[in-house]
Each structure stands twice: as structure tokens, then as C-alpha cells.
Amino acid sequence: MMDKNKIIVFDTTLRDGEQSPGCSMNTEEKIKIALQLEKLGVDVIEAGFAAASPGDFDAVSRIAEIIKNSSICSLARAIDNDIKQAGLAVRHAQKHRIHTFIATSPIHMKYKLKMSEEEVIKRAIHAVEYAKTFVDDVEFSLEDAGRSEISFMKEVMDAVIGAGARTINLPDTVGYRLPTELGAMVKELSAFAGDRAIISVHNHNDLGLATANTLAAVLNGARQIEVTINGLGERAGNSALEEAVMAIKTRKDAFGDLYTTINTPEIYATSRLVATVTGVEPQQNKAIVGKNAFSHESGIHQDGVLKHQETYEIMKPEDVGVFKESTLILGKHSGRAAFRDKIIHLGFDKVSDEELNAAFEKFKNLADKKKDVTDDDIRMLITDESLNQDKTYELIGLQISDCTAGVPTAAVAIKYKDEIIKDAAIGDGTMDAIFKTIDRLTGYTGELKDYKVTSVTEGKDALAKVTTRVSFDQTSPSFVGHGLSIDTMLATAKAYLGALNSYLSQKERLSKNSEHQI
């Protein structure tokens, strides 16, 4: 029997979040995030849109095989092939769902679908019935519900519930509604559905109201929220998981017995992983997970917090996984056991021995160059190692020359199949020279789409985190590479090679699996 007080958390970071410009991920990166979402306690993971591409199908099916505790879902239009691909992709999951949809607003039906109301209802019924041949758990979305007519939505809901849909999603697809309007819509449709189906909401942030609308929906009967980590998503993004979950947890006076089963101390680690993988950092003043979310610069605020935390903090930082530096300080004389204890304290309890050893060597090298190795430094070392497991090409050495009166030159040494290969090239700048040298050594020419450099911590000796997005051919999406070093140019070379390794890994896997695609 359904617990009417539980709010089901449906995370769509790997599907809608990935549709945010510049946020595409490869399969291995999606698996890393899916494992962390499982650790976070997400009820349903929308792992992708299986019919969109062979890469999407591969990612959804592999996640379905690996994840044990969360239900794995694939999106599908109300089209037979979409539904079939979704069903095949999630078939090995211990718990699985197909999420199919069709637009129900007058503007979408007239201009996009060019279908009548009767045709939309007929297509919706068939989609749910066909999805039921693959899975028991079918969710149906009335796309652009925020601009649909209540009377017609009731007709569609009746039809798809009768066909076997367990969850009815009401997306505010273009972020149009105000909280009072959306709350009233959800209240009426929730009462109409009764115990026949769970009402879900998926709110976009075009007017900055996504989380407010999500919470208004919960207060008016919605029992599933569709959210993303850091609020990623198309255009202005979606309702942020961390905001909606912490609002429900913090404001018990408003939400009463309503609750989620999210393991909130994992929120910060999840946010950092998603930011690292996508290269999209939350703004500094982002609620819950932003760099300044628990910082107090004003003297009045600092004084108040020191006297009593609740004067200016409505939740504890540790409730979302933001911990103060631990008392165990690591330095260049620290051993492997102390390092392992540290990373377990930081939440990395599933690191393989290979990842641990590689990260420990990086830590020792860093400790020789940096006076204070912080928790954020170590957290980034571990994350960087786990995201750079594909090492077809590995950077061994880099030497650059960029004299004011000279020509920018880069000499690069790379390990490939147990062989060290070396070359040098000139460029229009130091970074261009590095990329051209790597291109010559590997035989692949990359086109840089995006380049970002941020510091992991503060100070002149801070680790530089470089994120590149590079395209290597016209038929594949661009790939993200990650590089970490005190030397920004060294981090740049690592990031460029990381993007190439990601491309080659995905290309090889899809080639091997091509015969299984339908």
C-alpha cells in the first residue's frame, strides 16, 4: 500500500539535465553519477532517452544492469520504436519504468503534433498499453500541462490510467505557471485521480519558479517530484533536487508529515560530482550547494552565528554533507592508511584499490608542492582519478616555451601501449601549441568547444581544475576532459587528452555493441 506521506524523488539529471547546453556525458560518467544518485537515495533515476542514440541506449542499459536500489527509467515519446528501445534498455534492471509522453496543450497539438484531441487520446492509450508489454511500471506525461485545459487533461488521465499508467506527470514544460496557479491545477487533478495514480510534477525554471512550483504542487497533492542535481536542464533548468528536498525537510511546520528518503548528507558530494563531470559549476550563491551557501562575511552575521548557529543558519551544513576540515591533517609524510581513512571520512567508501593507489601517488606529489592539502584538494584528486580511468593515451611530460619575443612551443611526451612517444609543435599561443602537439602524436584532430579553469581551493598554490569540451568528428557529440594540477598548462594538456580518451572509449564500446541495436 502506498505511503501517502512519502514524496517520491525522480531524478532526471542524466536525461533532462544532460540536455542543458554543454552538459552531455559519456556512458562511464553517467554510471558514476547513477551510482552516486543511488547512494543519495533517489527513488527513480531517469537514465536517459534510449531511442535518441546508440550512446543513450548503451548508457541506460548499463545503468540498468548496475543499479540495484533505485528504479531505472527511460523516456520515450508515444511512438512504438521509442517505447521498444526504452523497454529493451531497462529490461535487466531490478526495478524499471518506462516514461512515455505526448503534448496536450492547444498550442502543441495544433502547431507541433498537428493532431486532434481524439487522435492524442488514442495515441496516448496505445503508448501506455504497448509500454505495459515491457514493464509493469508506466509513467505518462501530459507535455505542456502548464498550458493545457483542465477538462482535456482529465479525459487523457482517465484514458491512460485505464490503460495501466501508475504515475501521471504534469510538466510545466516552459516554466510558465505561478505557484498559486500550479498548486490549484495539481489540487484539482490530484483529487480527480484519487487513489488510481500518483500525481507527479516536472517544473522548468524559465521564470525562476521551478522549485517554488514544485513545493506548491507537493502541498496540493503531488507525491512525486521530478528534479535534477544543481537544477540542470534545458534552457534555464529544472527544479533543483537539493532545494526541494531540503525545503521539505527544513519546513516541517508547512509540510507536516511529508518526507523524502533522500540521504541528505550525500547532497554536496553529488553536486560536486555532477559539476565536475559536466564542467558546469553552481553559482556561488546557489542555495544549498553553492560555495557561499554557508559562508558569512558580514560582521553582524558572523557574530550571530558564533553565539548561536540558528541566528543566521536555518539548517546545519553537515545535514547536506558540507563538513568542516577534519582534525586529521595530511602532509607529505602521511601514509596510505591515513589517506584511506581521510577519503572514507569524505564519503568515498567504494574506491577501488587501483583508484586509491593512483590517487595516493597524486596526493604525495601534491604534498611536495603544496603546504596545506585541504579536504577539497583530496576530494578532487579522488574524483579526478575515478573520471579518468580510460587512459588510451597518458600524459608523461610537458615542456613549454612562450618567450615574449619568441614563438609559443610545446614539447609533449605521451604513453601509448607501453611506448613513450614524443613530439613538439608551435602554435598561436601556448595552449594552441599543446593541442597541436597532442594532435600530431595521436593522429586525432580535436576542435575545442569550451575551456574552463577554476581553482579547487584558495591561494597561489591552489590546484587548477581545467575542463575542456572537444569535438573529434562530425558524427559524435563533443566530449568533456578533466585535468588537475597546480600548473594550469599541465592540467590543460591532461584535460585535452582526457576528452580524447573519452571519445575513443565511447567509440570502441558503441562499435562492439552496434550489432545489438535494433
Protein backbone atom coordinates (compact mmCIF):
# COMPACT_ATOMS: atom_id res chain seq x y z
CA MET A 1 0.00 0.00 0.00
CA MET A 2 1.32 3.43 -0.94
CA ASP A 3 2.58 5.70 1.86
CA LYS A 4 0.68 8.91 1.17
CA ASN A 5 3.19 10.96 3.15
CA LYS A 6 6.22 9.88 1.14
CA ILE A 7 7.36 12.14 -1.69
CA ILE A 8 8.93 10.04 -4.45
CA VAL A 9 12.10 11.68 -5.78
CA PHE A 10 12.50 11.16 -9.52
CA ASP A 11 15.91 12.41 -10.66
CA THR A 12 16.32 13.34 -14.32
CA THR A 13 19.87 14.72 -14.24
CA LEU A 14 21.02 12.05 -16.69
CA ARG A 15 18.20 12.84 -19.14
CA ASP A 16 16.84 16.38 -18.87
CA GLY A 17 19.95 17.63 -17.06
CA GLU A 18 22.13 16.36 -19.89
CA GLN A 19 20.04 18.41 -22.33
CA SER A 20 21.45 21.56 -20.74
CA PRO A 21 23.80 23.09 -23.35
CA GLY A 22 27.32 21.71 -22.92
CA CYS A 23 26.30 19.04 -20.40
CA SER A 24 26.44 15.86 -22.47
CA MET A 25 28.15 12.94 -20.71
CA ASN A 26 29.64 9.66 -21.85
CA THR A 27 28.49 6.29 -20.54
CA GLU A 28 31.17 5.90 -17.86
CA GLU A 29 30.43 9.36 -16.49
CA LYS A 30 26.71 8.60 -16.39
CA ILE A 31 27.38 5.38 -14.49
CA LYS A 32 29.45 7.28 -11.90
CA ILE A 33 26.59 9.74 -11.40
CA ALA A 34 23.97 6.97 -11.30
CA LEU A 35 25.90 5.16 -8.55
CA GLN A 36 26.07 8.38 -6.56
CA LEU A 37 22.34 9.02 -7.10
CA GLU A 38 21.68 5.53 -5.74
CA LYS A 39 23.84 6.38 -2.71
CA LEU A 40 21.87 9.62 -2.34
CA GLY A 41 18.70 7.56 -2.07
CA VAL A 42 16.92 8.66 -5.24
CA ASP A 43 13.76 6.58 -5.81
CA VAL A 44 13.71 6.74 -9.62
CA ILE A 45 16.65 7.52 -11.91
CA GLU A 46 15.68 8.62 -15.40
CA ALA A 47 18.83 7.29 -17.02
CA GLY A 48 18.23 8.72 -20.48
CA PHE A 49 16.24 8.64 -23.70
CA ALA A 50 17.15 5.18 -25.03
CA ALA A 51 15.90 5.78 -28.58
CA ALA A 52 17.81 9.03 -29.00
CA SER A 53 21.13 7.45 -29.99
CA PRO A 54 23.21 4.27 -29.60
CA GLY A 55 25.13 6.06 -26.84
CA ASP A 56 21.94 6.79 -24.90
CA PHE A 57 20.75 3.19 -25.29
CA ASP A 58 24.13 1.91 -24.09
CA ALA A 59 24.13 4.19 -21.04
CA VAL A 60 20.57 3.32 -19.99
CA SER A 61 21.12 -0.43 -20.40
CA ARG A 62 24.41 -0.45 -18.49
CA ILE A 63 22.96 1.61 -15.65
CA ALA A 64 20.00 -0.79 -15.55
CA GLU A 65 22.40 -3.70 -15.07
CA ILE A 66 24.41 -2.00 -12.29
CA ILE A 67 21.93 -0.12 -10.10
CA LYS A 68 20.14 -2.26 -7.50
CA ASN A 69 18.13 0.02 -5.21
CA SER A 70 16.70 2.76 -7.44
CA SER A 71 14.17 2.16 -10.20
CA ILE A 72 15.71 2.78 -13.65
CA CYS A 73 13.58 4.68 -16.13
CA SER A 74 13.90 5.58 -19.81
CA LEU A 75 11.97 8.34 -21.52
CA ALA A 76 10.05 7.52 -24.70
CA ARG A 77 7.80 9.50 -26.98
CA ALA A 78 4.39 7.95 -27.67
CA ILE A 79 5.97 6.15 -30.62
CA ASP A 80 6.35 2.38 -30.83
CA ASN A 81 10.08 2.34 -31.61
CA ASP A 82 10.85 4.76 -28.76
CA ILE A 83 8.91 2.58 -26.34
CA LYS A 84 10.54 -0.61 -27.63
CA GLN A 85 14.04 0.81 -27.23
CA ALA A 86 13.18 2.02 -23.71
CA GLY A 87 11.83 -1.41 -22.78
CA LEU A 88 14.89 -3.21 -24.12
CA ALA A 89 17.25 -0.79 -22.40
CA VAL A 90 15.75 -1.14 -18.90
CA ARG A 91 14.89 -4.83 -19.09
CA HIS A 92 17.75 -6.00 -16.86
CA ALA A 93 17.03 -3.55 -14.04
CA GLN A 94 15.78 -4.99 -10.76
CA LYS A 95 13.18 -2.19 -10.77
CA HIS A 96 12.31 -0.49 -14.02
CA ARG A 97 9.95 2.04 -15.56
CA ILE A 98 9.04 3.47 -18.96
CA HIS A 99 8.13 7.15 -19.04
CA THR A 100 6.15 7.99 -22.17
CA PHE A 101 4.53 11.27 -23.11
CA ILE A 102 2.54 13.33 -25.59
CA ALA A 103 1.68 17.03 -25.64
CA THR A 104 -1.81 18.08 -24.51
CA SER A 105 -1.79 21.88 -24.80
CA PRO A 106 -3.72 23.51 -27.66
CA ILE A 107 -0.60 25.23 -28.98
CA HIS A 108 1.43 21.99 -29.06
CA MET A 109 -1.36 19.91 -30.57
CA LYS A 110 -2.05 22.47 -33.29
CA TYR A 111 1.45 23.51 -34.31
CA LYS A 112 3.77 20.65 -33.28
CA LEU A 113 1.70 17.48 -33.38
CA LYS A 114 -0.93 18.63 -35.90
CA MET A 115 -3.33 16.22 -34.19
CA SER A 116 -6.87 16.46 -32.86
CA GLU A 117 -7.78 15.79 -29.24
CA GLU A 118 -9.24 12.42 -30.23
CA GLU A 119 -6.02 11.45 -32.02
CA VAL A 120 -3.92 12.47 -29.00
CA ILE A 121 -6.03 10.34 -26.65
CA LYS A 122 -5.86 7.35 -29.00
CA ARG A 123 -2.05 7.67 -29.30
CA ALA A 124 -1.70 8.02 -25.51
CA ILE A 125 -3.73 4.87 -24.82
CA HIS A 126 -1.73 2.84 -27.32
CA ALA A 127 1.59 4.12 -25.91
CA VAL A 128 0.73 3.05 -22.36
CA GLU A 129 -0.65 -0.32 -23.45
CA TYR A 130 2.46 -1.04 -25.52
CA ALA A 131 4.78 0.08 -22.70
CA LYS A 132 2.96 -2.33 -20.37
CA THR A 133 4.15 -5.22 -22.54
CA PHE A 134 7.70 -4.41 -21.40
CA VAL A 135 7.27 -3.21 -17.79
CA ASP A 136 4.61 -3.08 -15.11
CA ASP A 137 5.50 0.45 -14.03
CA VAL A 138 4.48 3.02 -16.66
CA GLU A 139 4.51 6.77 -16.18
CA PHE A 140 2.62 9.03 -18.56
CA SER A 141 3.33 12.74 -19.03
CA LEU A 142 0.95 15.33 -20.41
CA GLU A 143 3.58 17.53 -22.03
CA ASP A 144 2.97 21.26 -21.54
CA ALA A 145 0.37 20.55 -18.87
CA GLY A 146 1.00 24.05 -17.55
CA ARG A 147 -0.76 25.44 -20.63
CA SER A 148 -3.27 22.63 -21.16
CA GLU A 149 -7.00 22.77 -20.47
CA ILE A 150 -8.10 21.05 -17.27
CA SER A 151 -11.10 19.37 -18.89
CA PHE A 152 -8.99 17.78 -21.63
CA MET A 153 -6.30 16.69 -19.19
CA LYS A 154 -8.97 14.84 -17.22
CA GLU A 155 -10.00 12.99 -20.38
CA VAL A 156 -6.40 12.00 -21.09
CA MET A 157 -5.78 10.98 -17.48
CA ASP A 158 -8.87 8.77 -17.42
CA ALA A 159 -7.78 7.11 -20.63
CA VAL A 160 -4.15 6.38 -19.70
CA ILE A 161 -4.96 5.31 -16.15
CA GLY A 162 -7.45 2.89 -17.65
CA ALA A 163 -4.69 1.65 -19.97
CA GLY A 164 -2.41 0.94 -16.99
CA ALA A 165 -0.37 4.09 -16.18
CA ARG A 166 0.59 4.20 -12.49
CA THR A 167 2.01 7.73 -12.43
CA ILE A 168 0.63 10.84 -14.14
CA ASN A 169 3.15 13.61 -14.65
CA LEU A 170 2.04 17.21 -15.13
CA PRO A 171 5.02 19.11 -16.56
CA ASP A 172 5.20 22.88 -16.64
CA THR A 173 7.32 22.39 -19.75
CA VAL A 174 8.04 26.06 -20.42
CA GLY A 175 8.10 27.27 -16.81
CA TYR A 176 5.00 29.44 -17.32
CA ARG A 177 2.89 28.93 -14.22
CA LEU A 178 2.96 30.78 -10.91
CA PRO A 179 2.96 28.70 -7.70
CA THR A 180 -0.66 29.57 -6.90
CA GLU A 181 -1.78 28.56 -10.39
CA LEU A 182 0.19 25.33 -10.47
CA GLY A 183 -0.93 24.43 -6.96
CA ALA A 184 -4.58 24.90 -7.91
CA MET A 185 -4.14 22.76 -11.05
CA VAL A 186 -2.45 19.96 -9.12
CA LYS A 187 -5.07 20.07 -6.38
CA GLU A 188 -7.92 19.60 -8.85
CA LEU A 189 -6.21 16.87 -10.87
CA SER A 190 -4.95 15.08 -7.75
CA ALA A 191 -8.49 14.90 -6.44
CA PHE A 192 -9.66 13.68 -9.85
CA ALA A 193 -7.03 10.89 -9.91
CA GLY A 194 -7.73 9.87 -6.32
CA ASP A 195 -6.07 6.55 -5.47
CA ARG A 196 -5.88 5.50 -9.11
CA ALA A 197 -2.47 7.06 -9.82
CA ILE A 198 0.35 9.09 -8.30
CA ILE A 199 0.46 12.70 -9.42
CA SER A 200 3.94 13.94 -10.38
CA VAL A 201 5.29 17.34 -11.38
CA HIS A 202 8.22 18.38 -13.58
CA ASN A 203 8.82 22.11 -13.41
CA HIS A 204 11.11 24.22 -15.56
CA ASN A 205 12.78 27.37 -14.30
CA ASP A 206 12.18 29.88 -17.10
CA LEU A 207 10.74 32.40 -14.63
CA GLY A 208 12.88 31.25 -11.71
CA LEU A 209 9.89 29.49 -10.12
CA ALA A 210 10.65 25.81 -10.66
CA THR A 211 11.30 24.87 -7.04
CA ALA A 212 8.53 27.14 -5.73
CA ASN A 213 6.11 25.46 -8.15
CA THR A 214 7.33 22.01 -7.13
CA LEU A 215 6.73 22.75 -3.46
CA ALA A 216 3.31 24.26 -4.19
CA ALA A 217 2.44 21.05 -6.04
CA VAL A 218 3.53 18.89 -3.09
CA LEU A 219 1.35 20.92 -0.73
CA ASN A 220 -1.58 20.33 -3.09
CA GLY A 221 -1.32 16.58 -3.55
CA ALA A 222 1.63 15.76 -5.80
CA ARG A 223 3.53 12.76 -4.45
CA GLN A 224 6.36 12.59 -6.97
CA ILE A 225 8.77 15.41 -7.84
CA GLU A 226 10.95 15.35 -10.95
CA VAL A 227 14.17 17.21 -10.24
CA THR A 228 17.85 17.48 -11.19
CA ILE A 229 21.09 17.96 -9.30
CA ASN A 230 22.16 21.62 -9.29
CA GLY A 231 18.97 22.46 -11.20
CA LEU A 232 20.47 21.44 -14.54
CA GLY A 233 18.22 21.14 -17.57
CA GLU A 234 17.06 22.66 -20.81
CA ARG A 235 17.08 26.46 -21.09
CA ALA A 236 17.00 27.83 -17.51
CA GLY A 237 16.95 24.34 -16.00
CA ASN A 238 14.66 22.38 -13.69
CA SER A 239 13.67 22.35 -10.06
CA ALA A 240 16.83 21.51 -8.09
CA LEU A 241 16.69 18.30 -6.07
CA GLU A 242 18.71 19.80 -3.23
CA GLU A 243 16.37 22.79 -2.88
CA ALA A 244 13.10 20.87 -2.97
CA VAL A 245 14.30 18.11 -0.64
CA MET A 246 15.80 20.45 1.94
CA ALA A 247 12.74 22.70 1.91
CA ILE A 248 10.52 19.71 2.74
CA LYS A 249 12.95 18.58 5.44
CA THR A 250 13.54 22.03 6.96
CA ARG A 251 9.98 23.39 6.91
CA LYS A 252 8.16 20.72 8.87
CA ASP A 253 5.76 23.41 10.07
CA ALA A 254 4.49 23.71 6.50
CA PHE A 255 4.94 20.16 5.17
CA GLY A 256 3.93 18.27 8.31
CA ASP A 257 4.42 14.51 7.96
CA LEU A 258 5.51 14.67 4.32
CA TYR A 259 9.03 13.36 3.78
CA THR A 260 11.55 12.01 1.29
CA THR A 261 14.01 9.15 1.80
CA ILE A 262 16.93 11.14 0.40
CA ASN A 263 20.19 10.61 2.30
CA THR A 264 20.80 14.35 2.61
CA PRO A 265 24.47 14.23 3.79
CA GLU A 266 25.23 12.93 0.27
CA ILE A 267 23.81 16.07 -1.40
CA TYR A 268 27.05 18.05 -1.51
CA ALA A 269 29.13 15.13 -2.81
CA THR A 270 26.54 14.52 -5.53
CA SER A 271 26.51 18.18 -6.50
CA ARG A 272 30.31 18.26 -6.74
CA LEU A 273 30.41 15.11 -8.88
CA VAL A 274 27.82 16.44 -11.33
CA ALA A 275 29.61 19.80 -11.52
CA THR A 276 32.94 18.09 -12.17
CA VAL A 277 31.57 15.74 -14.84
CA THR A 278 29.61 18.40 -16.72
CA GLY A 279 32.02 21.28 -16.15
CA VAL A 280 29.06 23.42 -15.07
CA GLU A 281 29.63 24.85 -11.60
CA PRO A 282 26.68 26.05 -9.50
CA GLN A 283 26.74 29.80 -9.00
CA GLN A 284 28.49 30.81 -5.78
CA ASN A 285 25.25 31.94 -4.13
CA LYS A 286 23.30 28.85 -5.26
CA ALA A 287 21.03 27.61 -2.49
CA ILE A 288 22.23 24.56 -0.51
CA VAL A 289 25.31 23.66 -2.61
CA GLY A 290 26.80 26.99 -3.70
CA LYS A 291 30.23 27.99 -2.43
CA ASN A 292 28.71 30.78 -0.32
CA ALA A 293 25.63 28.85 0.89
CA PHE A 294 27.04 28.57 4.44
CA SER A 295 29.52 31.47 4.38
CA HIS A 296 29.11 34.58 6.49
CA GLU A 297 31.14 37.68 5.64
CA SER A 298 29.07 40.32 7.39
CA GLY A 299 30.38 41.03 10.88
CA ILE A 300 26.85 41.03 12.28
CA HIS A 301 26.16 37.61 10.75
CA GLN A 302 29.48 36.18 11.91
CA ASP A 303 28.84 37.39 15.45
CA GLY A 304 25.34 35.91 15.47
CA VAL A 305 26.43 32.50 14.15
CA LEU A 306 29.25 32.30 16.69
CA LYS A 307 26.80 33.00 19.50
CA HIS A 308 24.07 30.69 18.22
CA GLN A 309 24.08 28.88 14.85
CA GLU A 310 20.36 29.28 14.21
CA THR A 311 20.59 33.09 14.20
CA TYR A 312 21.61 33.01 10.53
CA GLU A 313 21.59 29.32 9.54
CA ILE A 314 18.26 27.51 9.17
CA MET A 315 19.98 24.15 8.53
CA LYS A 316 23.28 22.64 9.52
CA PRO A 317 25.97 22.46 6.81
CA GLU A 318 26.65 18.84 7.75
CA ASP A 319 22.99 17.98 7.01
CA VAL A 320 23.82 18.33 3.30
CA GLY A 321 27.35 16.97 3.55
CA VAL A 322 29.29 20.23 3.96
CA PHE A 323 31.77 19.33 6.69
CA LYS A 324 34.44 21.45 8.31
CA GLU A 325 38.03 20.36 7.75
CA SER A 326 38.67 17.22 9.77
CA THR A 327 41.23 17.18 12.55
CA LEU A 328 43.32 14.58 10.68
CA ILE A 329 45.79 16.73 8.70
CA LEU A 330 47.62 15.07 5.86
CA GLY A 331 51.05 16.04 4.60
CA LYS A 332 53.95 14.63 2.63
CA HIS A 333 54.84 12.24 5.47
CA SER A 334 51.32 10.79 5.74
CA GLY A 335 50.92 7.11 4.90
CA ARG A 336 48.45 5.16 2.82
CA ALA A 337 46.36 4.13 5.85
CA ALA A 338 45.83 7.75 6.91
CA PHE A 339 44.96 8.65 3.33
CA ARG A 340 42.39 5.84 3.16
CA ASP A 341 40.85 6.98 6.48
CA LYS A 342 40.61 10.51 5.12
CA ILE A 343 38.81 9.57 1.90
CA ILE A 344 36.38 7.33 3.80
CA HIS A 345 35.64 10.32 6.08
CA LEU A 346 34.95 12.35 2.92
CA GLY A 347 32.41 9.78 1.75
CA PHE A 348 34.47 7.80 -0.78
CA ASP A 349 33.84 4.35 0.65
CA LYS A 350 33.69 2.48 -2.68
CA VAL A 351 37.03 3.48 -4.17
CA SER A 352 38.88 0.57 -5.80
CA ASP A 353 42.43 -0.29 -4.77
CA GLU A 354 43.63 0.85 -8.19
CA GLU A 355 41.94 4.24 -7.84
CA LEU A 356 43.20 4.56 -4.26
CA ASN A 357 46.81 3.84 -5.24
CA ALA A 358 46.73 6.25 -8.16
CA ALA A 359 45.13 9.00 -6.08
CA PHE A 360 47.62 8.41 -3.25
CA GLU A 361 50.56 8.91 -5.64
CA LYS A 362 48.98 12.14 -6.87
CA PHE A 363 48.50 13.21 -3.26
CA LYS A 364 52.16 12.60 -2.41
CA ASN A 365 53.24 14.63 -5.43
CA LEU A 366 50.87 17.42 -4.46
CA ALA A 367 52.04 17.40 -0.83
CA ASP A 368 55.61 18.02 -2.03
CA LYS A 369 54.49 21.20 -3.78
CA LYS A 370 51.70 22.50 -1.56
CA LYS A 371 51.97 23.47 2.07
CA ASP A 372 48.40 22.68 3.09
CA VAL A 373 46.49 19.85 1.41
CA THR A 374 42.81 20.51 2.09
CA ASP A 375 39.81 18.20 2.10
CA ASP A 376 38.65 19.81 -1.15
CA ASP A 377 42.05 19.03 -2.71
CA ILE A 378 41.74 15.36 -1.73
CA ARG A 379 38.09 15.19 -2.78
CA MET A 380 39.07 16.47 -6.22
CA LEU A 381 42.03 14.06 -6.51
CA ILE A 382 39.73 11.09 -5.90
CA THR A 383 37.04 12.38 -8.27
CA ASP A 384 39.61 13.15 -10.97
CA GLU A 385 41.08 9.66 -10.75
CA SER A 386 37.67 7.97 -10.95
CA LEU A 387 36.71 10.03 -14.01
CA ASN A 388 39.95 9.38 -15.86
CA GLN A 389 40.07 5.58 -15.88
CA ASP A 390 40.17 5.40 -19.68
CA LYS A 391 43.84 6.04 -20.43
CA THR A 392 44.48 5.02 -24.02
CA TYR A 393 46.84 7.98 -24.04
CA GLU A 394 48.53 9.11 -20.82
CA LEU A 395 50.48 12.34 -20.39
CA ILE A 396 54.05 11.68 -19.22
CA GLY A 397 55.70 15.07 -19.63
CA LEU A 398 55.15 18.61 -20.88
CA GLN A 399 57.62 21.39 -21.57
CA ILE A 400 56.51 24.75 -22.90
CA SER A 401 58.27 27.86 -24.17
CA ASP A 402 56.44 31.12 -24.59
CA CYS A 403 59.02 33.89 -24.60
CA THR A 404 57.74 37.39 -25.32
CA ALA A 405 59.90 37.74 -28.42
CA GLY A 406 59.77 34.05 -29.38
CA VAL A 407 57.29 31.56 -30.75
CA PRO A 408 55.00 29.55 -28.40
CA THR A 409 56.26 25.96 -28.41
CA ALA A 410 55.12 22.80 -26.64
CA ALA A 411 57.05 19.53 -26.27
CA VAL A 412 54.84 16.64 -25.15
CA ALA A 413 55.58 13.06 -24.09
CA ILE A 414 52.70 10.58 -24.10
CA LYS A 415 52.45 6.92 -23.12
CA TYR A 416 50.63 4.77 -25.67
CA LYS A 417 50.55 0.96 -25.49
CA ASP A 418 53.59 0.82 -23.17
CA GLU A 419 55.54 3.06 -25.53
CA ILE A 420 56.62 6.65 -24.85
CA ILE A 421 56.07 8.87 -27.88
CA LYS A 422 57.33 12.45 -28.09
CA ASP A 423 56.88 15.43 -30.37
CA ALA A 424 56.88 19.23 -30.36
CA ALA A 425 54.95 21.91 -32.23
CA ILE A 426 54.49 25.66 -32.38
CA GLY A 427 51.16 27.42 -32.08
CA ASP A 428 49.39 30.75 -31.96
CA GLY A 429 49.63 30.53 -28.18
CA THR A 430 50.85 28.12 -25.54
CA MET A 431 47.52 26.26 -25.34
CA ASP A 432 47.29 26.01 -29.14
CA ALA A 433 50.83 24.61 -29.28
CA ILE A 434 49.93 21.94 -26.69
CA PHE A 435 46.83 20.87 -28.60
CA LYS A 436 48.62 20.75 -31.95
CA THR A 437 51.40 18.60 -30.49
CA ILE A 438 48.90 16.16 -28.99
CA ASP A 439 47.03 16.03 -32.31
CA ARG A 440 50.25 15.15 -34.13
CA LEU A 441 51.17 12.46 -31.62
CA THR A 442 47.76 10.78 -31.56
CA GLY A 443 46.62 11.30 -35.14
CA TYR A 444 43.30 12.79 -33.98
CA THR A 445 42.44 16.44 -34.59
CA GLY A 446 40.20 17.97 -31.96
CA GLU A 447 38.13 21.13 -32.16
CA LEU A 448 37.94 22.93 -28.81
CA LYS A 449 34.34 23.87 -28.00
CA ASP A 450 34.74 25.08 -24.43
CA TYR A 451 37.53 25.67 -21.94
CA LYS A 452 37.22 26.44 -18.24
CA VAL A 453 39.76 26.77 -15.47
CA THR A 454 38.85 27.09 -11.79
CA SER A 455 40.80 26.81 -8.57
CA VAL A 456 39.91 23.98 -6.21
CA THR A 457 40.86 26.00 -3.13
CA GLU A 458 42.27 29.43 -2.41
CA GLY A 459 45.87 30.66 -2.55
CA LYS A 460 48.68 30.92 -5.09
CA ASP A 461 49.41 27.20 -4.75
CA ALA A 462 45.80 26.13 -5.37
CA LEU A 463 45.08 23.18 -7.61
CA ALA A 464 43.85 24.27 -11.03
CA LYS A 465 40.89 22.29 -12.36
CA VAL A 466 40.65 22.52 -16.14
CA THR A 467 37.61 21.31 -18.06
CA THR A 468 37.69 21.05 -21.85
CA ARG A 469 34.92 20.15 -24.27
CA VAL A 470 36.33 18.86 -27.53
CA SER A 471 34.80 17.53 -30.76
CA PHE A 472 36.78 14.94 -32.72
CA ASP A 473 34.39 14.20 -35.60
CA GLN A 474 31.17 15.46 -37.15
CA THR A 475 29.03 12.48 -36.17
CA SER A 476 29.63 12.40 -32.40
CA PRO A 477 28.87 14.91 -29.65
CA SER A 478 31.73 16.79 -28.04
CA PHE A 479 33.45 15.09 -25.11
CA VAL A 480 34.47 16.52 -21.74
CA GLY A 481 38.01 16.12 -20.42
CA HIS A 482 39.23 16.83 -16.90
CA GLY A 483 42.70 17.91 -15.80
CA LEU A 484 44.07 18.66 -12.35
CA SER A 485 47.41 20.23 -11.45
CA ILE A 486 48.99 23.20 -9.71
CA ASP A 487 50.34 24.05 -13.19
CA THR A 488 47.43 25.27 -15.34
CA MET A 489 49.03 24.29 -18.66
CA LEU A 490 49.76 20.79 -17.38
CA ALA A 491 46.14 20.50 -16.29
CA THR A 492 45.12 21.74 -19.75
CA ALA A 493 47.10 19.01 -21.52
CA LYS A 494 45.60 16.37 -19.22
CA ALA A 495 42.08 17.66 -19.88
CA TYR A 496 42.53 17.62 -23.66
CA LEU A 497 43.87 14.05 -23.54
CA GLY A 498 41.02 13.11 -21.20
CA ALA A 499 38.47 14.28 -23.79
CA LEU A 500 40.25 12.22 -26.47
CA ASN A 501 40.34 9.12 -24.25
CA SER A 502 36.62 9.54 -23.52
CA TYR A 503 35.88 9.78 -27.25
CA LEU A 504 37.93 6.68 -28.07
CA SER A 505 36.38 4.67 -25.24
CA GLN A 506 32.83 5.53 -26.28
CA LYS A 507 33.60 4.89 -29.95
CA GLU A 508 35.06 1.45 -29.21
CA ARG A 509 32.19 0.40 -26.95
CA LEU A 510 29.50 1.52 -29.38
CA SER A 511 31.27 -0.29 -32.20
CA LYS A 512 31.28 -3.54 -30.19
CA ASN A 513 27.61 -3.18 -29.27
CA SER A 514 26.32 -1.99 -32.66
CA GLU A 515 25.06 -5.47 -33.59
CA HIS A 516 22.75 -5.44 -30.54
CA GLN A 517 20.99 -2.21 -31.53
CA ILE A 518 17.58 -2.51 -33.14
